[in-house]
Amino acid sequence: MPVALVHAEERKQLAHLAPIDAQVKLIDMWLYGKSKLTIDAYRRYITLFLAYVAKPIVAVTLEDLYDFAMHLEALGLAPSSQTIYLSAVKSLLTFATKMGIIPFNIGAMMSLKSSRTSLNEKILSESEITRLIWSGEKNPRNRAILRLLYGAGLRVSELVALKWKDLAPRGDSGQVTVLGKGDRVRSILLPKTLWDELLQLKGDASELDPVFPSRNGKGKKHLDRKTINVIIKAAAEKAEITTKASPHFLRHSHASHSLERGANIGLVQSTLGHANVATTSRYLHARPDDSSAMYLPL
């Protein structure tokens, strides 16, 4: 069925609902197909926006958008976080326009500020990574978590969801298969030392058991993201790393270090699960080893 006819049919369905129900349905359709983490985050952003403007989406004005932007700034949110909130609102308004719910896209009239990238501040040095893993953590399970986050460049959501069935041998090593953003599946070949360390954790666990079980669930419950953050923070403190480390720091460091060591950018893109190579290319510029400034008589 042509897209225009699909939208016409969906508009008919919305027309039969009460205004508040129609708005809920519109947001549900906008979120359809996105990952659970994205859905949860976008709902928070839109809920805050609608609570602030105190009016339905169809009545939102351009002035409301700019007032909300100033509200986010007053809340003390980082510029990058403000952009994320506003991008979500603009995306919903674009969807509502395509559906014919609002006559024109007022979100398109609002330009977002380009925030200064702090990517270079989120990359640990190779020596810091070594200290974090080998000096900061003595527990075998926790050390394997650190090594896998860094070595495979996993997102924390991908790591905590791992089951033993997601790990498979490859020659004298192995690979891990994860479900990433946009429900994209990717498999990552692991170094033998990391693979061997992971296998030592398995014991008599079944293929459906979590690779990293919670100690409070008799081995059947996955660790949560909060626990992973606690593990990394504790390891960083023991390793005397002053940077506020997080799971994503390890992923950023994987990208930067592998590119610095000559890895093909397409390979890094595939390993990290970036939808666009432009995302991966940011790491080429985050910590340059040369610049034209170095050629000036300063």
C-alpha atoms as a PDB file:
ATOM      1  CA  MET A   1       0.000   0.000   0.000  1.00  0.00           C
ATOM      2  CA  PRO A   2       1.396   3.459  -0.888  1.00  0.00           C
ATOM      3  CA  VAL A   3       2.701   5.479   2.078  1.00  0.00           C
ATOM      4  CA  ALA A   4       0.139   8.258   1.499  1.00  0.00           C
ATOM      5  CA  LEU A   5      -2.721   5.745   1.782  1.00  0.00           C
ATOM      6  CA  VAL A   6      -1.218   4.224   4.904  1.00  0.00           C
ATOM      7  CA  HIS A   7      -1.051   7.648   6.536  1.00  0.00           C
ATOM      8  CA  ALA A   8      -4.625   8.398   5.464  1.00  0.00           C
ATOM      9  CA  GLU A   9      -5.831   5.194   7.096  1.00  0.00           C
ATOM     10  CA  GLU A  10      -3.916   5.960  10.284  1.00  0.00           C
ATOM     11  CA  ARG A  11      -5.365   9.483  10.376  1.00  0.00           C
ATOM     12  CA  LYS A  12      -8.856   7.967  10.225  1.00  0.00           C
ATOM     13  CA  GLN A  13      -8.045   5.792  13.204  1.00  0.00           C
ATOM     14  CA  LEU A  14      -6.749   8.765  15.185  1.00  0.00           C
ATOM     15  CA  ALA A  15      -9.812  10.833  14.310  1.00  0.00           C
ATOM     16  CA  HIS A  16     -12.075   8.387  16.166  1.00  0.00           C
ATOM     17  CA  LEU A  17     -10.091   8.725  19.408  1.00  0.00           C
ATOM     18  CA  ALA A  18     -10.441  11.301  22.164  1.00  0.00           C
ATOM     19  CA  PRO A  19      -7.785  14.062  21.835  1.00  0.00           C
ATOM     20  CA  ILE A  20      -5.615  12.749  24.669  1.00  0.00           C
ATOM     21  CA  ASP A  21      -5.883   9.161  23.387  1.00  0.00           C
ATOM     22  CA  ALA A  22      -5.064  10.314  19.857  1.00  0.00           C
ATOM     23  CA  GLN A  23      -1.930  12.041  21.130  1.00  0.00           C
ATOM     24  CA  VAL A  24      -0.822   8.919  23.017  1.00  0.00           C
ATOM     25  CA  LYS A  25      -1.437   6.851  19.882  1.00  0.00           C
ATOM     26  CA  LEU A  26       0.535   9.328  17.758  1.00  0.00           C
ATOM     27  CA  ILE A  27       3.527   9.104  20.110  1.00  0.00           C
ATOM     28  CA  ASP A  28       3.309   5.294  20.118  1.00  0.00           C
ATOM     29  CA  MET A  29       3.418   5.246  16.314  1.00  0.00           C
ATOM     30  CA  TRP A  30       6.371   7.659  16.305  1.00  0.00           C
ATOM     31  CA  LEU A  31       8.283   5.390  18.668  1.00  0.00           C
ATOM     32  CA  TYR A  32       7.410   2.173  16.851  1.00  0.00           C
ATOM     33  CA  GLY A  33      10.444   0.141  15.772  1.00  0.00           C
ATOM     34  CA  LYS A  34      12.932   1.985  17.981  1.00  0.00           C
ATOM     35  CA  SER A  35      14.998   0.148  20.580  1.00  0.00           C
ATOM     36  CA  LYS A  36      13.684  -0.126  24.146  1.00  0.00           C
ATOM     37  CA  LEU A  37      16.357   2.230  25.444  1.00  0.00           C
ATOM     38  CA  THR A  38      15.497   4.830  22.797  1.00  0.00           C
ATOM     39  CA  ILE A  39      11.782   4.491  23.509  1.00  0.00           C
ATOM     40  CA  ASP A  40      12.310   4.988  27.251  1.00  0.00           C
ATOM     41  CA  ALA A  41      14.533   8.012  26.693  1.00  0.00           C
ATOM     42  CA  TYR A  42      12.268   9.651  24.084  1.00  0.00           C
ATOM     43  CA  ARG A  43       9.230   9.206  26.318  1.00  0.00           C
ATOM     44  CA  ARG A  44      11.051  11.061  29.094  1.00  0.00           C
ATOM     45  CA  TYR A  45      11.968  13.907  26.732  1.00  0.00           C
ATOM     46  CA  ILE A  46       8.471  14.277  25.296  1.00  0.00           C
ATOM     47  CA  THR A  47       6.788  13.956  28.705  1.00  0.00           C
ATOM     48  CA  LEU A  48       8.909  16.817  30.035  1.00  0.00           C
ATOM     49  CA  PHE A  49       8.151  18.925  26.963  1.00  0.00           C
ATOM     50  CA  LEU A  50       4.379  18.373  27.085  1.00  0.00           C
ATOM     51  CA  ALA A  51       4.297  18.986  30.835  1.00  0.00           C
ATOM     52  CA  TYR A  52       6.130  22.271  30.302  1.00  0.00           C
ATOM     53  CA  VAL A  53       4.008  23.623  27.438  1.00  0.00           C
ATOM     54  CA  ALA A  54       0.786  22.277  29.030  1.00  0.00           C
ATOM     55  CA  LYS A  55      -0.968  21.961  25.691  1.00  0.00           C
ATOM     56  CA  PRO A  56      -1.535  19.248  23.058  1.00  0.00           C
ATOM     57  CA  ILE A  57       0.960  18.734  20.244  1.00  0.00           C
ATOM     58  CA  VAL A  58      -1.438  20.211  17.665  1.00  0.00           C
ATOM     59  CA  ALA A  59      -1.403  23.524  19.559  1.00  0.00           C
ATOM     60  CA  VAL A  60       2.372  23.838  20.028  1.00  0.00           C
ATOM     61  CA  THR A  61       3.900  27.017  18.607  1.00  0.00           C
ATOM     62  CA  LEU A  62       7.429  28.002  17.637  1.00  0.00           C
ATOM     63  CA  GLU A  63       7.493  30.259  20.699  1.00  0.00           C
ATOM     64  CA  ASP A  64       6.807  27.182  22.844  1.00  0.00           C
ATOM     65  CA  LEU A  65       9.871  25.485  21.417  1.00  0.00           C
ATOM     66  CA  TYR A  66      12.172  28.387  22.217  1.00  0.00           C
ATOM     67  CA  ASP A  67      10.646  28.777  25.682  1.00  0.00           C
ATOM     68  CA  PHE A  68      11.287  25.081  26.300  1.00  0.00           C
ATOM     69  CA  ALA A  69      14.883  25.490  25.096  1.00  0.00           C
ATOM     70  CA  MET A  70      15.412  28.269  27.642  1.00  0.00           C
ATOM     71  CA  HIS A  71      13.758  26.085  30.290  1.00  0.00           C
ATOM     72  CA  LEU A  72      16.257  23.287  29.605  1.00  0.00           C
ATOM     73  CA  GLU A  73      19.100  25.763  29.913  1.00  0.00           C
ATOM     74  CA  ALA A  74      17.699  27.012  33.215  1.00  0.00           C
ATOM     75  CA  LEU A  75      17.580  23.444  34.493  1.00  0.00           C
ATOM     76  CA  GLY A  76      21.354  23.343  34.086  1.00  0.00           C
ATOM     77  CA  LEU A  77      21.433  20.629  31.441  1.00  0.00           C
ATOM     78  CA  ALA A  78      24.622  20.323  29.415  1.00  0.00           C
ATOM     79  CA  PRO A  79      24.376  21.825  25.892  1.00  0.00           C
ATOM     80  CA  SER A  80      24.605  18.340  24.372  1.00  0.00           C
ATOM     81  CA  SER A  81      21.702  17.141  26.551  1.00  0.00           C
ATOM     82  CA  GLN A  82      19.624  20.178  25.585  1.00  0.00           C
ATOM     83  CA  THR A  83      20.200  19.323  21.924  1.00  0.00           C
ATOM     84  CA  ILE A  84      19.089  15.725  22.489  1.00  0.00           C
ATOM     85  CA  TYR A  85      15.824  16.843  24.132  1.00  0.00           C
ATOM     86  CA  LEU A  86      15.055  19.369  21.409  1.00  0.00           C
ATOM     87  CA  SER A  87      15.971  16.932  18.630  1.00  0.00           C
ATOM     88  CA  ALA A  88      13.430  14.467  20.004  1.00  0.00           C
ATOM     89  CA  VAL A  89      10.719  17.131  20.078  1.00  0.00           C
ATOM     90  CA  LYS A  90      11.561  18.212  16.525  1.00  0.00           C
ATOM     91  CA  SER A  91      11.436  14.579  15.387  1.00  0.00           C
ATOM     92  CA  LEU A  92       7.957  14.099  16.849  1.00  0.00           C
ATOM     93  CA  LEU A  93       6.731  17.297  15.202  1.00  0.00           C
ATOM     94  CA  THR A  94       8.149  16.148  11.861  1.00  0.00           C
ATOM     95  CA  PHE A  95       6.301  12.835  12.236  1.00  0.00           C
ATOM     96  CA  ALA A  96       3.070  14.621  13.177  1.00  0.00           C
ATOM     97  CA  THR A  97       3.416  16.772  10.058  1.00  0.00           C
ATOM     98  CA  LYS A  98       3.938  13.757   7.806  1.00  0.00           C
ATOM     99  CA  MET A  99       0.851  12.181   9.351  1.00  0.00           C
ATOM    100  CA  GLY A 100      -1.164  15.318   8.595  1.00  0.00           C
ATOM    101  CA  ILE A 101      -1.917  15.913  12.276  1.00  0.00           C
ATOM    102  CA  ILE A 102      -0.405  19.401  12.199  1.00  0.00           C
ATOM    103  CA  PRO A 103      -0.525  21.598   9.065  1.00  0.00           C
ATOM    104  CA  PHE A 104       3.158  22.507   8.903  1.00  0.00           C
ATOM    105  CA  ASN A 105       6.345  21.553  10.704  1.00  0.00           C
ATOM    106  CA  ILE A 106       7.178  24.350  13.135  1.00  0.00           C
ATOM    107  CA  GLY A 107      10.107  22.296  14.449  1.00  0.00           C
ATOM    108  CA  ALA A 108      11.879  22.751  11.128  1.00  0.00           C
ATOM    109  CA  MET A 109      11.979  26.497  11.797  1.00  0.00           C
ATOM    110  CA  MET A 110      14.107  26.030  14.917  1.00  0.00           C
ATOM    111  CA  SER A 111      17.860  25.680  14.457  1.00  0.00           C
ATOM    112  CA  LEU A 112      19.710  23.798  17.155  1.00  0.00           C
ATOM    113  CA  LYS A 113      22.950  25.038  18.630  1.00  0.00           C
ATOM    114  CA  SER A 114      26.014  23.066  17.659  1.00  0.00           C
ATOM    115  CA  SER A 115      27.627  22.050  20.925  1.00  0.00           C
ATOM    116  CA  ARG A 116      31.391  21.785  21.325  1.00  0.00           C
ATOM    117  CA  THR A 117      32.419  18.178  21.136  1.00  0.00           C
ATOM    118  CA  SER A 118      33.901  16.763  24.321  1.00  0.00           C
ATOM    119  CA  LEU A 119      34.755  13.421  22.742  1.00  0.00           C
ATOM    120  CA  ASN A 120      38.462  13.886  23.417  1.00  0.00           C
ATOM    121  CA  GLU A 121      37.638  14.251  27.108  1.00  0.00           C
ATOM    122  CA  LYS A 122      35.938  10.844  27.103  1.00  0.00           C
ATOM    123  CA  ILE A 123      38.916   8.871  25.808  1.00  0.00           C
ATOM    124  CA  LEU A 124      41.232   7.217  28.300  1.00  0.00           C
ATOM    125  CA  SER A 125      44.857   6.755  27.338  1.00  0.00           C
ATOM    126  CA  GLU A 126      46.191   3.264  26.712  1.00  0.00           C
ATOM    127  CA  SER A 127      48.150   3.424  29.971  1.00  0.00           C
ATOM    128  CA  GLU A 128      44.974   4.394  31.847  1.00  0.00           C
ATOM    129  CA  ILE A 129      43.116   1.463  30.287  1.00  0.00           C
ATOM    130  CA  THR A 130      45.923  -0.884  31.376  1.00  0.00           C
ATOM    131  CA  ARG A 131      45.818   0.454  34.938  1.00  0.00           C
ATOM    132  CA  LEU A 132      42.034   0.313  35.037  1.00  0.00           C
ATOM    133  CA  ILE A 133      41.874  -3.347  33.989  1.00  0.00           C
ATOM    134  CA  TRP A 134      44.945  -4.824  35.660  1.00  0.00           C
ATOM    135  CA  SER A 135      45.539  -2.588  38.680  1.00  0.00           C
ATOM    136  CA  GLY A 136      42.044  -1.353  39.418  1.00  0.00           C
ATOM    137  CA  GLU A 137      40.210  -4.680  39.301  1.00  0.00           C
ATOM    138  CA  LYS A 138      41.167  -8.029  40.829  1.00  0.00           C
ATOM    139  CA  ASN A 139      37.801  -9.789  40.657  1.00  0.00           C
ATOM    140  CA  PRO A 140      37.832 -12.128  37.577  1.00  0.00           C
ATOM    141  CA  ARG A 141      34.226 -11.415  36.575  1.00  0.00           C
ATOM    142  CA  ASN A 142      34.597  -7.651  36.921  1.00  0.00           C
ATOM    143  CA  ARG A 143      37.918  -7.647  35.065  1.00  0.00           C
ATOM    144  CA  ALA A 144      36.316  -9.604  32.211  1.00  0.00           C
ATOM    145  CA  ILE A 145      33.564  -6.968  32.079  1.00  0.00           C
ATOM    146  CA  LEU A 146      36.135  -4.194  31.704  1.00  0.00           C
ATOM    147  CA  ARG A 147      38.101  -6.110  29.091  1.00  0.00           C
ATOM    148  CA  LEU A 148      34.998  -6.911  27.032  1.00  0.00           C
ATOM    149  CA  LEU A 149      33.651  -3.349  27.131  1.00  0.00           C
ATOM    150  CA  TYR A 150      37.004  -2.060  25.917  1.00  0.00           C
ATOM    151  CA  GLY A 151      38.151  -4.987  23.768  1.00  0.00           C
ATOM    152  CA  ALA A 152      34.887  -5.432  21.847  1.00  0.00           C
ATOM    153  CA  GLY A 153      33.720  -1.811  22.079  1.00  0.00           C
ATOM    154  CA  LEU A 154      30.360  -2.921  23.444  1.00  0.00           C
ATOM    155  CA  ARG A 155      27.628  -0.629  24.660  1.00  0.00           C
ATOM    156  CA  VAL A 156      26.718  -1.356  28.273  1.00  0.00           C
ATOM    157  CA  SER A 157      23.205  -2.388  27.178  1.00  0.00           C
ATOM    158  CA  GLU A 158      24.739  -4.965  24.849  1.00  0.00           C
ATOM    159  CA  LEU A 159      27.033  -6.313  27.543  1.00  0.00           C
ATOM    160  CA  VAL A 160      24.413  -6.785  30.269  1.00  0.00           C
ATOM    161  CA  ALA A 161      22.101  -8.640  27.841  1.00  0.00           C
ATOM    162  CA  LEU A 162      24.686 -11.287  26.892  1.00  0.00           C
ATOM    163  CA  LYS A 163      23.867 -14.960  27.325  1.00  0.00           C
ATOM    164  CA  TRP A 164      26.321 -17.815  26.820  1.00  0.00           C
ATOM    165  CA  LYS A 165      24.562 -18.734  23.575  1.00  0.00           C
ATOM    166  CA  ASP A 166      25.822 -15.394  22.205  1.00  0.00           C
ATOM    167  CA  LEU A 167      29.435 -16.581  22.478  1.00  0.00           C
ATOM    168  CA  ALA A 168      30.770 -19.021  19.877  1.00  0.00           C
ATOM    169  CA  PRO A 169      34.238 -20.512  19.247  1.00  0.00           C
ATOM    170  CA  ARG A 170      36.216 -19.401  16.187  1.00  0.00           C
ATOM    171  CA  GLY A 171      39.393 -21.407  15.659  1.00  0.00           C
ATOM    172  CA  ASP A 172      41.472 -21.135  18.821  1.00  0.00           C
ATOM    173  CA  SER A 173      39.522 -18.031  19.897  1.00  0.00           C
ATOM    174  CA  GLY A 174      35.877 -17.004  19.702  1.00  0.00           C
ATOM    175  CA  GLN A 175      33.330 -14.350  18.862  1.00  0.00           C
ATOM    176  CA  VAL A 176      30.503 -12.542  20.594  1.00  0.00           C
ATOM    177  CA  THR A 177      27.225 -11.668  18.866  1.00  0.00           C
ATOM    178  CA  VAL A 178      25.186  -8.714  20.115  1.00  0.00           C
ATOM    179  CA  LEU A 179      21.928  -6.988  19.291  1.00  0.00           C
ATOM    180  CA  GLY A 180      22.727  -3.294  18.959  1.00  0.00           C
ATOM    181  CA  LYS A 181      20.935  -0.051  18.173  1.00  0.00           C
ATOM    182  CA  GLY A 182      18.214  -0.265  15.579  1.00  0.00           C
ATOM    183  CA  ASP A 183      17.999  -4.024  16.214  1.00  0.00           C
ATOM    184  CA  ARG A 184      21.177  -4.493  14.170  1.00  0.00           C
ATOM    185  CA  VAL A 185      23.001  -7.743  14.910  1.00  0.00           C
ATOM    186  CA  ARG A 186      26.786  -7.852  14.721  1.00  0.00           C
ATOM    187  CA  SER A 187      29.435 -10.429  15.570  1.00  0.00           C
ATOM    188  CA  ILE A 188      32.829  -9.418  16.945  1.00  0.00           C
ATOM    189  CA  LEU A 189      35.928 -11.585  16.845  1.00  0.00           C
ATOM    190  CA  LEU A 190      37.739 -11.567  20.197  1.00  0.00           C
ATOM    191  CA  PRO A 191      41.442 -11.863  21.021  1.00  0.00           C
ATOM    192  CA  LYS A 192      42.348 -15.303  22.363  1.00  0.00           C
ATOM    193  CA  THR A 193      43.371 -14.027  25.802  1.00  0.00           C
ATOM    194  CA  LEU A 194      39.988 -12.330  26.286  1.00  0.00           C
ATOM    195  CA  TRP A 195      38.119 -15.374  24.957  1.00  0.00           C
ATOM    196  CA  ASP A 196      39.945 -17.696  27.348  1.00  0.00           C
ATOM    197  CA  GLU A 197      39.204 -15.402  30.280  1.00  0.00           C
ATOM    198  CA  LEU A 198      35.501 -15.373  29.435  1.00  0.00           C
ATOM    199  CA  LEU A 199      35.344 -19.175  29.206  1.00  0.00           C
ATOM    200  CA  GLN A 200      36.848 -19.476  32.676  1.00  0.00           C
ATOM    201  CA  LEU A 201      33.736 -17.743  34.019  1.00  0.00           C
ATOM    202  CA  LYS A 202      31.229 -20.188  32.505  1.00  0.00           C
ATOM    203  CA  GLY A 203      31.525 -23.127  34.875  1.00  0.00           C
ATOM    204  CA  ASP A 204      28.336 -25.231  34.612  1.00  0.00           C
ATOM    205  CA  ALA A 205      26.180 -22.376  33.267  1.00  0.00           C
ATOM    206  CA  SER A 206      23.724 -23.249  30.500  1.00  0.00           C
ATOM    207  CA  GLU A 207      23.591 -21.576  27.109  1.00  0.00           C
ATOM    208  CA  LEU A 208      20.605 -19.507  28.233  1.00  0.00           C
ATOM    209  CA  ASP A 209      22.257 -18.240  31.420  1.00  0.00           C
ATOM    210  CA  PRO A 210      23.649 -14.689  31.546  1.00  0.00           C
ATOM    211  CA  VAL A 211      27.373 -14.307  30.926  1.00  0.00           C
ATOM    212  CA  PHE A 212      27.508 -11.786  33.758  1.00  0.00           C
ATOM    213  CA  PRO A 213      24.957 -12.888  36.362  1.00  0.00           C
ATOM    214  CA  SER A 214      23.849 -10.868  39.339  1.00  0.00           C
ATOM    215  CA  ARG A 215      24.918 -12.319  42.647  1.00  0.00           C
ATOM    216  CA  ASN A 216      21.428 -11.616  43.950  1.00  0.00           C
ATOM    217  CA  GLY A 217      19.612 -13.790  41.411  1.00  0.00           C
ATOM    218  CA  LYS A 218      21.071 -17.276  41.903  1.00  0.00           C
ATOM    219  CA  GLY A 219      22.965 -16.978  38.637  1.00  0.00           C
ATOM    220  CA  LYS A 220      19.858 -16.503  36.484  1.00  0.00           C
ATOM    221  CA  LYS A 221      19.490 -12.721  36.570  1.00  0.00           C
ATOM    222  CA  HIS A 222      21.580 -10.359  34.452  1.00  0.00           C
ATOM    223  CA  LEU A 223      23.653  -7.596  35.995  1.00  0.00           C
ATOM    224  CA  ASP A 224      22.093  -4.181  35.494  1.00  0.00           C
ATOM    225  CA  ARG A 225      23.656  -1.035  34.045  1.00  0.00           C
ATOM    226  CA  LYS A 226      23.894   0.619  37.455  1.00  0.00           C
ATOM    227  CA  THR A 227      26.082  -2.193  38.784  1.00  0.00           C
ATOM    228  CA  ILE A 228      28.401  -1.927  35.768  1.00  0.00           C
ATOM    229  CA  ASN A 229      28.849   1.774  36.461  1.00  0.00           C
ATOM    230  CA  VAL A 230      29.681   1.036  40.106  1.00  0.00           C
ATOM    231  CA  ILE A 231      32.280  -1.558  39.019  1.00  0.00           C
ATOM    232  CA  ILE A 232      33.988   0.881  36.649  1.00  0.00           C
ATOM    233  CA  LYS A 233      33.943   3.747  39.133  1.00  0.00           C
ATOM    234  CA  ALA A 234      35.520   1.555  41.831  1.00  0.00           C
ATOM    235  CA  ALA A 235      38.203   0.267  39.451  1.00  0.00           C
ATOM    236  CA  ALA A 236      39.024   3.805  38.313  1.00  0.00           C
ATOM    237  CA  GLU A 237      39.451   4.957  41.903  1.00  0.00           C
ATOM    238  CA  LYS A 238      41.769   2.036  42.721  1.00  0.00           C
ATOM    239  CA  ALA A 239      43.788   2.749  39.561  1.00  0.00           C
ATOM    240  CA  GLU A 240      44.004   6.438  40.568  1.00  0.00           C
ATOM    241  CA  ILE A 241      42.309   7.598  37.388  1.00  0.00           C
ATOM    242  CA  THR A 242      40.890  11.059  38.015  1.00  0.00           C
ATOM    243  CA  THR A 243      38.680  11.082  34.907  1.00  0.00           C
ATOM    244  CA  LYS A 244      35.055  10.226  35.662  1.00  0.00           C
ATOM    245  CA  ALA A 245      35.123   6.902  33.807  1.00  0.00           C
ATOM    246  CA  SER A 246      32.007   5.177  32.487  1.00  0.00           C
ATOM    247  CA  PRO A 247      31.188   2.202  30.219  1.00  0.00           C
ATOM    248  CA  HIS A 248      31.015   4.503  27.205  1.00  0.00           C
ATOM    249  CA  PHE A 249      34.508   5.822  27.944  1.00  0.00           C
ATOM    250  CA  LEU A 250      35.795   2.310  27.278  1.00  0.00           C
ATOM    251  CA  ARG A 251      33.891   2.151  23.983  1.00  0.00           C
ATOM    252  CA  HIS A 252      35.245   5.575  22.951  1.00  0.00           C
ATOM    253  CA  SER A 253      38.745   4.470  23.901  1.00  0.00           C
ATOM    254  CA  HIS A 254      38.405   1.287  21.826  1.00  0.00           C
ATOM    255  CA  ALA A 255      37.525   3.355  18.753  1.00  0.00           C
ATOM    256  CA  SER A 256      40.304   5.891  19.239  1.00  0.00           C
ATOM    257  CA  HIS A 257      43.049   3.408  20.093  1.00  0.00           C
ATOM    258  CA  SER A 258      42.244   0.975  17.278  1.00  0.00           C
ATOM    259  CA  LEU A 259      42.249   3.791  14.700  1.00  0.00           C
ATOM    260  CA  GLU A 260      45.503   5.171  16.103  1.00  0.00           C
ATOM    261  CA  ARG A 261      47.030   1.710  15.723  1.00  0.00           C
ATOM    262  CA  GLY A 262      46.055   1.538  12.046  1.00  0.00           C
ATOM    263  CA  ALA A 263      42.704  -0.297  12.063  1.00  0.00           C
ATOM    264  CA  ASN A 264      40.608   0.332   8.953  1.00  0.00           C
ATOM    265  CA  ILE A 265      37.827   2.812   9.693  1.00  0.00           C
ATOM    266  CA  GLY A 266      35.264   0.524   8.040  1.00  0.00           C
ATOM    267  CA  LEU A 267      36.309  -2.309  10.340  1.00  0.00           C
ATOM    268  CA  VAL A 268      35.961  -0.073  13.400  1.00  0.00           C
ATOM    269  CA  GLN A 269      32.541   1.046  12.172  1.00  0.00           C
ATOM    270  CA  SER A 270      31.466  -2.590  11.797  1.00  0.00           C
ATOM    271  CA  THR A 271      32.841  -3.599  15.201  1.00  0.00           C
ATOM    272  CA  LEU A 272      31.147  -0.724  17.035  1.00  0.00           C
ATOM    273  CA  GLY A 273      27.896  -1.058  15.093  1.00  0.00           C
ATOM    274  CA  HIS A 274      27.791   2.528  13.846  1.00  0.00           C
ATOM    275  CA  ALA A 275      25.096   3.035  11.211  1.00  0.00           C
ATOM    276  CA  ASN A 276      27.197   5.686   9.469  1.00  0.00           C
ATOM    277  CA  VAL A 277      30.955   5.853   8.965  1.00  0.00           C
ATOM    278  CA  ALA A 278      30.742   9.589   9.711  1.00  0.00           C
ATOM    279  CA  THR A 279      30.076   8.689  13.344  1.00  0.00           C
ATOM    280  CA  THR A 280      33.224   6.582  13.441  1.00  0.00           C
ATOM    281  CA  SER A 281      35.280   9.267  11.710  1.00  0.00           C
ATOM    282  CA  ARG A 282      34.836  11.573  14.717  1.00  0.00           C
ATOM    283  CA  TYR A 283      37.456   9.508  16.499  1.00  0.00           C
ATOM    284  CA  LEU A 284      39.996  10.357  13.815  1.00  0.00           C
ATOM    285  CA  HIS A 285      39.799  13.995  14.887  1.00  0.00           C
ATOM    286  CA  ALA A 286      39.254  13.622  18.640  1.00  0.00           C
ATOM    287  CA  ARG A 287      42.955  13.225  19.451  1.00  0.00           C
ATOM    288  CA  PRO A 288      45.017  14.302  16.416  1.00  0.00           C
ATOM    289  CA  ASP A 289      48.703  13.371  16.328  1.00  0.00           C
ATOM    290  CA  ASP A 290      49.463  16.206  13.934  1.00  0.00           C
ATOM    291  CA  SER A 291      48.053  19.572  12.850  1.00  0.00           C
ATOM    292  CA  SER A 292      49.062  22.509  10.685  1.00  0.00           C
ATOM    293  CA  ALA A 293      49.796  24.431  13.885  1.00  0.00           C
ATOM    294  CA  MET A 294      52.813  22.182  14.391  1.00  0.00           C
ATOM    295  CA  TYR A 295      54.393  23.648  11.216  1.00  0.00           C
ATOM    296  CA  LEU A 296      54.262  27.284  12.290  1.00  0.00           C
ATOM    297  CA  PRO A 297      57.231  29.208  13.786  1.00  0.00           C
ATOM    298  CA  LEU A 298      55.607  29.644  17.182  1.00  0.00           C
END
